PDB file of all heavy atoms in Angstrom:
ATOM      1  N   SER A   1      34.927 -16.857  36.068  1.00  0.00           N
ATOM      2  CA  SER A   1      33.742 -16.241  35.683  1.00  0.00           C
ATOM      3  C   SER A   1      32.529 -17.117  35.537  1.00  0.00           C
ATOM      4  O   SER A   1      32.685 -18.324  35.543  1.00  0.00           O
ATOM      5  CB  SER A   1      33.916 -15.410  34.384  1.00  0.00           C
ATOM      6  OG  SER A   1      34.033 -16.349  33.362  1.00  0.00           O
ATOM      7  N   PHE A   2      31.367 -16.570  35.451  1.00  0.00           N
ATOM      8  CA  PHE A   2      30.142 -17.448  35.265  1.00  0.00           C
ATOM      9  C   PHE A   2      30.226 -18.161  33.995  1.00  0.00           C
ATOM     10  O   PHE A   2      29.747 -19.318  33.982  1.00  0.00           O
ATOM     11  CB  PHE A   2      28.868 -16.429  35.376  1.00  0.00           C
ATOM     12  CG  PHE A   2      27.693 -17.255  35.199  1.00  0.00           C
ATOM     13  CD1 PHE A   2      27.112 -18.025  36.204  1.00  0.00           C
ATOM     14  CD2 PHE A   2      26.961 -17.216  33.931  1.00  0.00           C
ATOM     15  CE1 PHE A   2      25.930 -18.754  36.006  1.00  0.00           C
ATOM     16  CE2 PHE A   2      25.776 -17.937  33.767  1.00  0.00           C
ATOM     17  CZ  PHE A   2      25.306 -18.771  34.807  1.00  0.00           C
ATOM     18  N   ALA A   3      30.674 -17.662  32.899  1.00  0.00           N
ATOM     19  CA  ALA A   3      30.865 -18.296  31.627  1.00  0.00           C
ATOM     20  C   ALA A   3      31.651 -19.480  31.805  1.00  0.00           C
ATOM     21  O   ALA A   3      31.293 -20.522  31.175  1.00  0.00           O
ATOM     22  CB  ALA A   3      31.373 -17.300  30.606  1.00  0.00           C
ATOM     23  N   GLU A   4      32.755 -19.328  32.493  1.00  0.00           N
ATOM     24  CA  GLU A   4      33.648 -20.526  32.764  1.00  0.00           C
ATOM     25  C   GLU A   4      33.007 -21.603  33.625  1.00  0.00           C
ATOM     26  O   GLU A   4      33.206 -22.787  33.396  1.00  0.00           O
ATOM     27  CB  GLU A   4      34.974 -20.047  33.416  1.00  0.00           C
ATOM     28  CG  GLU A   4      35.839 -19.241  32.511  1.00  0.00           C
ATOM     29  CD  GLU A   4      37.109 -18.750  33.033  1.00  0.00           C
ATOM     30  OE1 GLU A   4      37.173 -18.797  34.406  1.00  0.00           O
ATOM     31  OE2 GLU A   4      38.010 -18.204  32.325  1.00  0.00           O
ATOM     32  N   VAL A   5      32.301 -21.211  34.581  1.00  0.00           N
ATOM     33  CA  VAL A   5      31.434 -22.094  35.375  1.00  0.00           C
ATOM     34  C   VAL A   5      30.464 -22.947  34.516  1.00  0.00           C
ATOM     35  O   VAL A   5      30.300 -24.172  34.629  1.00  0.00           O
ATOM     36  CB  VAL A   5      30.621 -21.432  36.621  1.00  0.00           C
ATOM     37  CG1 VAL A   5      29.682 -22.399  37.159  1.00  0.00           C
ATOM     38  CG2 VAL A   5      31.676 -20.908  37.568  1.00  0.00           C
ATOM     39  N   SER A   6      29.867 -22.236  33.580  1.00  0.00           N
ATOM     40  CA  SER A   6      28.859 -22.813  32.703  1.00  0.00           C
ATOM     41  C   SER A   6      29.647 -23.736  31.771  1.00  0.00           C
ATOM     42  O   SER A   6      29.128 -24.989  31.514  1.00  0.00           O
ATOM     43  CB  SER A   6      28.134 -21.728  31.822  1.00  0.00           C
ATOM     44  OG  SER A   6      27.349 -22.357  30.953  1.00  0.00           O
ATOM     45  N   ASP A   7      30.730 -23.497  31.307  1.00  0.00           N
ATOM     46  CA  ASP A   7      31.546 -24.328  30.456  1.00  0.00           C
ATOM     47  C   ASP A   7      31.998 -25.571  31.180  1.00  0.00           C
ATOM     48  O   ASP A   7      31.904 -26.772  30.614  1.00  0.00           O
ATOM     49  CB  ASP A   7      32.707 -23.659  29.883  1.00  0.00           C
ATOM     50  CG  ASP A   7      32.421 -22.569  28.896  1.00  0.00           C
ATOM     51  OD1 ASP A   7      31.329 -22.560  28.400  1.00  0.00           O
ATOM     52  OD2 ASP A   7      33.383 -21.703  28.684  1.00  0.00           O
ATOM     53  N   VAL A   8      32.399 -25.445  32.485  1.00  0.00           N
ATOM     54  CA  VAL A   8      32.901 -26.600  33.228  1.00  0.00           C
ATOM     55  C   VAL A   8      31.670 -27.512  33.588  1.00  0.00           C
ATOM     56  O   VAL A   8      31.774 -28.724  33.572  1.00  0.00           O
ATOM     57  CB  VAL A   8      33.619 -26.106  34.525  1.00  0.00           C
ATOM     58  CG1 VAL A   8      33.846 -27.317  35.469  1.00  0.00           C
ATOM     59  CG2 VAL A   8      34.945 -25.519  34.138  1.00  0.00           C
ATOM     60  N   LEU A   9      30.553 -26.983  33.860  1.00  0.00           N
ATOM     61  CA  LEU A   9      29.368 -27.731  34.103  1.00  0.00           C
ATOM     62  C   LEU A   9      28.877 -28.518  32.879  1.00  0.00           C
ATOM     63  O   LEU A   9      28.491 -29.648  33.018  1.00  0.00           O
ATOM     64  CB  LEU A   9      28.235 -26.921  34.586  1.00  0.00           C
ATOM     65  CG  LEU A   9      28.301 -26.349  36.048  1.00  0.00           C
ATOM     66  CD1 LEU A   9      27.216 -25.385  36.466  1.00  0.00           C
ATOM     67  CD2 LEU A   9      28.457 -27.499  37.064  1.00  0.00           C
ATOM     68  N   THR A  10      28.992 -27.865  31.781  1.00  0.00           N
ATOM     69  CA  THR A  10      28.593 -28.484  30.534  1.00  0.00           C
ATOM     70  C   THR A  10      29.585 -29.624  30.142  1.00  0.00           C
ATOM     71  O   THR A  10      29.191 -30.753  29.843  1.00  0.00           O
ATOM     72  CB  THR A  10      28.608 -27.541  29.303  1.00  0.00           C
ATOM     73  OG1 THR A  10      27.669 -26.581  29.637  1.00  0.00           O
ATOM     74  CG2 THR A  10      28.312 -28.258  28.039  1.00  0.00           C
ATOM     75  N   LEU A  11      30.844 -29.441  30.406  1.00  0.00           N
ATOM     76  CA  LEU A  11      31.856 -30.485  30.311  1.00  0.00           C
ATOM     77  C   LEU A  11      31.683 -31.588  31.210  1.00  0.00           C
ATOM     78  O   LEU A  11      31.710 -32.831  30.800  1.00  0.00           O
ATOM     79  CB  LEU A  11      33.304 -29.928  30.389  1.00  0.00           C
ATOM     80  CG  LEU A  11      34.487 -30.693  30.031  1.00  0.00           C
ATOM     81  CD1 LEU A  11      34.405 -31.222  28.699  1.00  0.00           C
ATOM     82  CD2 LEU A  11      35.692 -29.879  30.335  1.00  0.00           C
ATOM     83  N   SER A  12      31.286 -31.289  32.437  1.00  0.00           N
ATOM     84  CA  SER A  12      30.994 -32.317  33.412  1.00  0.00           C
ATOM     85  C   SER A  12      29.764 -33.223  33.084  1.00  0.00           C
ATOM     86  O   SER A  12      29.674 -34.356  33.236  1.00  0.00           O
ATOM     87  CB  SER A  12      30.864 -31.733  34.832  1.00  0.00           C
ATOM     88  OG  SER A  12      32.057 -31.189  35.314  1.00  0.00           O
ATOM     89  N   LEU A  13      28.776 -32.488  32.588  1.00  0.00           N
ATOM     90  CA  LEU A  13      27.547 -33.194  32.000  1.00  0.00           C
ATOM     91  C   LEU A  13      27.885 -34.100  30.958  1.00  0.00           C
ATOM     92  O   LEU A  13      27.443 -35.295  30.950  1.00  0.00           O
ATOM     93  CB  LEU A  13      26.435 -32.173  31.681  1.00  0.00           C
ATOM     94  CG  LEU A  13      25.126 -32.850  31.016  1.00  0.00           C
ATOM     95  CD1 LEU A  13      24.429 -33.660  32.183  1.00  0.00           C
ATOM     96  CD2 LEU A  13      24.310 -31.624  30.472  1.00  0.00           C
ATOM     97  N   VAL A  14      28.561 -33.614  29.966  1.00  0.00           N
ATOM     98  CA  VAL A  14      29.045 -34.522  28.820  1.00  0.00           C
ATOM     99  C   VAL A  14      29.904 -35.640  29.378  1.00  0.00           C
ATOM    100  O   VAL A  14      29.715 -36.855  28.900  1.00  0.00           O
ATOM    101  CB  VAL A  14      29.903 -33.675  27.777  1.00  0.00           C
ATOM    102  CG1 VAL A  14      30.538 -34.525  26.715  1.00  0.00           C
ATOM    103  CG2 VAL A  14      29.026 -32.683  27.152  1.00  0.00           C
ATOM    104  N   THR A  15      30.774 -35.433  30.264  1.00  0.00           N
ATOM    105  CA  THR A  15      31.510 -36.561  30.925  1.00  0.00           C
ATOM    106  C   THR A  15      30.583 -37.638  31.448  1.00  0.00           C
ATOM    107  O   THR A  15      30.741 -38.789  31.389  1.00  0.00           O
ATOM    108  CB  THR A  15      32.511 -36.044  31.892  1.00  0.00           C
ATOM    109  OG1 THR A  15      33.412 -34.985  31.261  1.00  0.00           O
ATOM    110  CG2 THR A  15      33.385 -37.150  32.466  1.00  0.00           C
ATOM    111  N   ASP A  16      29.566 -37.243  32.314  1.00  0.00           N
ATOM    112  CA  ASP A  16      28.661 -38.099  32.918  1.00  0.00           C
ATOM    113  C   ASP A  16      27.886 -38.842  31.905  1.00  0.00           C
ATOM    114  O   ASP A  16      27.669 -40.084  32.036  1.00  0.00           O
ATOM    115  CB  ASP A  16      27.762 -37.314  33.992  1.00  0.00           C
ATOM    116  CG  ASP A  16      28.439 -36.774  35.141  1.00  0.00           C
ATOM    117  OD1 ASP A  16      29.608 -37.288  35.415  1.00  0.00           O
ATOM    118  OD2 ASP A  16      27.872 -35.911  35.786  1.00  0.00           O
ATOM    119  N   LEU A  17      27.473 -38.256  30.853  1.00  0.00           N
ATOM    120  CA  LEU A  17      26.741 -38.931  29.890  1.00  0.00           C
ATOM    121  C   LEU A  17      27.635 -39.934  29.138  1.00  0.00           C
ATOM    122  O   LEU A  17      27.160 -41.048  28.752  1.00  0.00           O
ATOM    123  CB  LEU A  17      26.122 -37.928  28.729  1.00  0.00           C
ATOM    124  CG  LEU A  17      25.035 -37.027  29.291  1.00  0.00           C
ATOM    125  CD1 LEU A  17      24.609 -36.018  28.216  1.00  0.00           C
ATOM    126  CD2 LEU A  17      23.740 -37.867  29.607  1.00  0.00           C
ATOM    127  N   LEU A  18      28.866 -39.650  28.892  1.00  0.00           N
ATOM    128  CA  LEU A  18      29.818 -40.532  28.316  1.00  0.00           C
ATOM    129  C   LEU A  18      30.039 -41.804  29.219  1.00  0.00           C
ATOM    130  O   LEU A  18      30.242 -42.908  28.832  1.00  0.00           O
ATOM    131  CB  LEU A  18      31.165 -39.868  27.941  1.00  0.00           C
ATOM    132  CG  LEU A  18      31.034 -38.987  26.646  1.00  0.00           C
ATOM    133  CD1 LEU A  18      32.401 -38.317  26.449  1.00  0.00           C
ATOM    134  CD2 LEU A  18      30.805 -39.957  25.475  1.00  0.00           C
ATOM    135  N   TYR A  19      30.075 -41.561  30.574  1.00  0.00           N
ATOM    136  CA  TYR A  19      30.186 -42.575  31.583  1.00  0.00           C
ATOM    137  C   TYR A  19      28.970 -43.482  31.406  1.00  0.00           C
ATOM    138  O   TYR A  19      29.054 -44.771  31.483  1.00  0.00           O
ATOM    139  CB  TYR A  19      30.308 -42.039  32.958  1.00  0.00           C
ATOM    140  CG  TYR A  19      31.748 -41.955  33.394  1.00  0.00           C
ATOM    141  CD1 TYR A  19      32.163 -40.668  33.843  1.00  0.00           C
ATOM    142  CD2 TYR A  19      32.695 -42.815  33.328  1.00  0.00           C
ATOM    143  CE1 TYR A  19      33.464 -40.366  34.259  1.00  0.00           C
ATOM    144  CE2 TYR A  19      34.020 -42.637  33.698  1.00  0.00           C
ATOM    145  CZ  TYR A  19      34.286 -41.368  34.229  1.00  0.00           C
ATOM    146  OH  TYR A  19      35.653 -41.086  34.611  1.00  0.00           O
ATOM    147  N   ALA A  20      27.764 -42.979  31.305  1.00  0.00           N
ATOM    148  CA  ALA A  20      26.602 -43.745  31.081  1.00  0.00           C
ATOM    149  C   ALA A  20      26.662 -44.674  29.690  1.00  0.00           C
ATOM    150  O   ALA A  20      26.373 -45.755  29.803  1.00  0.00           O
ATOM    151  CB  ALA A  20      25.279 -42.908  30.975  1.00  0.00           C
ATOM    152  N   ALA A  21      27.119 -43.983  28.711  1.00  0.00           N
ATOM    153  CA  ALA A  21      27.385 -44.710  27.415  1.00  0.00           C
ATOM    154  C   ALA A  21      28.401 -45.849  27.613  1.00  0.00           C
ATOM    155  O   ALA A  21      28.276 -46.945  27.033  1.00  0.00           O
ATOM    156  CB  ALA A  21      27.876 -43.773  26.283  1.00  0.00           C
ATOM    157  N   THR A  22      29.474 -45.602  28.374  1.00  0.00           N
ATOM    158  CA  THR A  22      30.498 -46.603  28.696  1.00  0.00           C
ATOM    159  C   THR A  22      29.864 -47.803  29.459  1.00  0.00           C
ATOM    160  O   THR A  22      30.234 -48.849  29.142  1.00  0.00           O
ATOM    161  CB  THR A  22      31.670 -45.975  29.526  1.00  0.00           C
ATOM    162  OG1 THR A  22      32.156 -44.885  28.760  1.00  0.00           O
ATOM    163  CG2 THR A  22      32.684 -47.049  29.871  1.00  0.00           C
ATOM    164  N   ALA A  23      28.984 -47.489  30.310  1.00  0.00           N
ATOM    165  CA  ALA A  23      28.311 -48.540  31.136  1.00  0.00           C
ATOM    166  C   ALA A  23      27.466 -49.405  30.186  1.00  0.00           C
ATOM    167  O   ALA A  23      27.307 -50.551  30.293  1.00  0.00           O
ATOM    168  CB  ALA A  23      27.518 -48.020  32.265  1.00  0.00           C
ATOM    169  N   GLY A  24      26.773 -48.671  29.238  1.00  0.00           N
ATOM    170  CA  GLY A  24      25.882 -49.339  28.314  1.00  0.00           C
ATOM    171  C   GLY A  24      26.752 -50.291  27.397  1.00  0.00           C
ATOM    172  O   GLY A  24      26.360 -51.330  27.091  1.00  0.00           O
ATOM    173  N   ALA A  25      27.831 -49.780  26.876  1.00  0.00           N
ATOM    174  CA  ALA A  25      28.822 -50.708  26.031  1.00  0.00           C
ATOM    175  C   ALA A  25      29.239 -51.858  26.920  1.00  0.00           C
ATOM    176  O   ALA A  25      29.436 -52.886  26.254  1.00  0.00           O
ATOM    177  CB  ALA A  25      29.954 -49.798  25.601  1.00  0.00           C
ATOM    178  N   ALA A  26      29.499 -51.640  28.194  1.00  0.00           N
ATOM    179  CA  ALA A  26      29.963 -52.818  29.072  1.00  0.00           C
ATOM    180  C   ALA A  26      28.877 -53.857  29.088  1.00  0.00           C
ATOM    181  O   ALA A  26      29.135 -55.057  29.093  1.00  0.00           O
ATOM    182  CB  ALA A  26      30.338 -52.302  30.446  1.00  0.00           C
ATOM    183  N   VAL A  27      27.610 -53.374  29.280  1.00  0.00           N
ATOM    184  CA  VAL A  27      26.522 -54.325  29.257  1.00  0.00           C
ATOM    185  C   VAL A  27      26.359 -55.045  27.990  1.00  0.00           C
ATOM    186  O   VAL A  27      26.125 -56.315  28.015  1.00  0.00           O
ATOM    187  CB  VAL A  27      25.232 -53.554  29.668  1.00  0.00           C
ATOM    188  CG1 VAL A  27      23.891 -54.516  29.479  1.00  0.00           C
ATOM    189  CG2 VAL A  27      25.278 -53.078  31.074  1.00  0.00           C
ATOM    190  N   VAL A  28      26.471 -54.314  26.897  1.00  0.00           N
ATOM    191  CA  VAL A  28      26.346 -55.018  25.517  1.00  0.00           C
ATOM    192  C   VAL A  28      27.481 -56.044  25.321  1.00  0.00           C
ATOM    193  O   VAL A  28      27.174 -57.138  24.969  1.00  0.00           O
ATOM    194  CB  VAL A  28      26.310 -53.971  24.430  1.00  0.00           C
ATOM    195  CG1 VAL A  28      26.490 -54.581  23.062  1.00  0.00           C
ATOM    196  CG2 VAL A  28      25.097 -53.103  24.432  1.00  0.00           C
ATOM    197  N   PHE A  29      28.681 -55.701  25.737  1.00  0.00           N
ATOM    198  CA  PHE A  29      29.852 -56.652  25.667  1.00  0.00           C
ATOM    199  C   PHE A  29      29.543 -57.853  26.506  1.00  0.00           C
ATOM    200  O   PHE A  29      29.631 -58.932  26.040  1.00  0.00           O
ATOM    201  CB  PHE A  29      31.048 -56.002  26.037  1.00  0.00           C
ATOM    202  CG  PHE A  29      32.215 -56.859  26.104  1.00  0.00           C
ATOM    203  CD1 PHE A  29      32.779 -57.360  25.036  1.00  0.00           C
ATOM    204  CD2 PHE A  29      32.645 -57.358  27.358  1.00  0.00           C
ATOM    205  CE1 PHE A  29      33.872 -58.285  25.112  1.00  0.00           C
ATOM    206  CE2 PHE A  29      33.699 -58.206  27.562  1.00  0.00           C
ATOM    207  CZ  PHE A  29      34.287 -58.698  26.386  1.00  0.00           C
ATOM    208  N   THR A  30      29.082 -57.655  27.697  1.00  0.00           N
ATOM    209  CA  THR A  30      28.735 -58.783  28.609  1.00  0.00           C
ATOM    210  C   THR A  30      27.709 -59.655  28.154  1.00  0.00           C
ATOM    211  O   THR A  30      27.760 -60.922  28.205  1.00  0.00           O
ATOM    212  CB  THR A  30      28.405 -58.217  30.041  1.00  0.00           C
ATOM    213  OG1 THR A  30      29.495 -57.369  30.475  1.00  0.00           O
ATOM    214  CG2 THR A  30      28.236 -59.374  31.038  1.00  0.00           C
ATOM    215  N   VAL A  31      26.620 -59.142  27.608  1.00  0.00           N
ATOM    216  CA  VAL A  31      25.510 -59.992  27.084  1.00  0.00           C
ATOM    217  C   VAL A  31      25.996 -60.685  25.947  1.00  0.00           C
ATOM    218  O   VAL A  31      25.701 -62.001  25.786  1.00  0.00           O
ATOM    219  CB  VAL A  31      24.316 -59.036  26.677  1.00  0.00           C
ATOM    220  CG1 VAL A  31      23.241 -59.844  25.985  1.00  0.00           C
ATOM    221  CG2 VAL A  31      23.729 -58.493  28.007  1.00  0.00           C
ATOM    222  N   ARG A  32      26.791 -60.068  25.006  1.00  0.00           N
ATOM    223  CA  ARG A  32      27.251 -60.851  23.720  1.00  0.00           C
ATOM    224  C   ARG A  32      28.218 -61.941  24.218  1.00  0.00           C
ATOM    225  O   ARG A  32      28.215 -62.988  23.654  1.00  0.00           O
ATOM    226  CB  ARG A  32      27.946 -59.896  22.777  1.00  0.00           C
ATOM    227  CG  ARG A  32      26.938 -58.868  22.226  1.00  0.00           C
ATOM    228  CD  ARG A  32      27.710 -57.813  21.460  1.00  0.00           C
ATOM    229  NE  ARG A  32      27.567 -58.082  20.000  1.00  0.00           N
ATOM    230  CZ  ARG A  32      28.136 -57.400  19.186  1.00  0.00           C
ATOM    231  NH1 ARG A  32      28.999 -56.462  19.356  1.00  0.00           N
ATOM    232  NH2 ARG A  32      27.839 -57.734  17.868  1.00  0.00           N
ATOM    233  N   LEU A  33      29.109 -61.623  25.167  1.00  0.00           N
ATOM    234  CA  LEU A  33      30.023 -62.728  25.655  1.00  0.00           C
ATOM    235  C   LEU A  33      29.365 -63.865  26.288  1.00  0.00           C
ATOM    236  O   LEU A  33      29.661 -65.030  25.985  1.00  0.00           O
ATOM    237  CB  LEU A  33      31.118 -62.099  26.574  1.00  0.00           C
ATOM    238  CG  LEU A  33      32.069 -62.970  27.135  1.00  0.00           C
ATOM    239  CD1 LEU A  33      32.950 -63.481  26.072  1.00  0.00           C
ATOM    240  CD2 LEU A  33      32.985 -62.228  28.185  1.00  0.00           C
TER     241      LEU A  33
END
């Protein structure tokens, strides 16, 4: 259903934002190291 499509897209957006946060954490770790 459309509601499920919306839920999956929201979940995918959250996943992408977390991937960006993961990349930021990797940069912080690299700079500190």
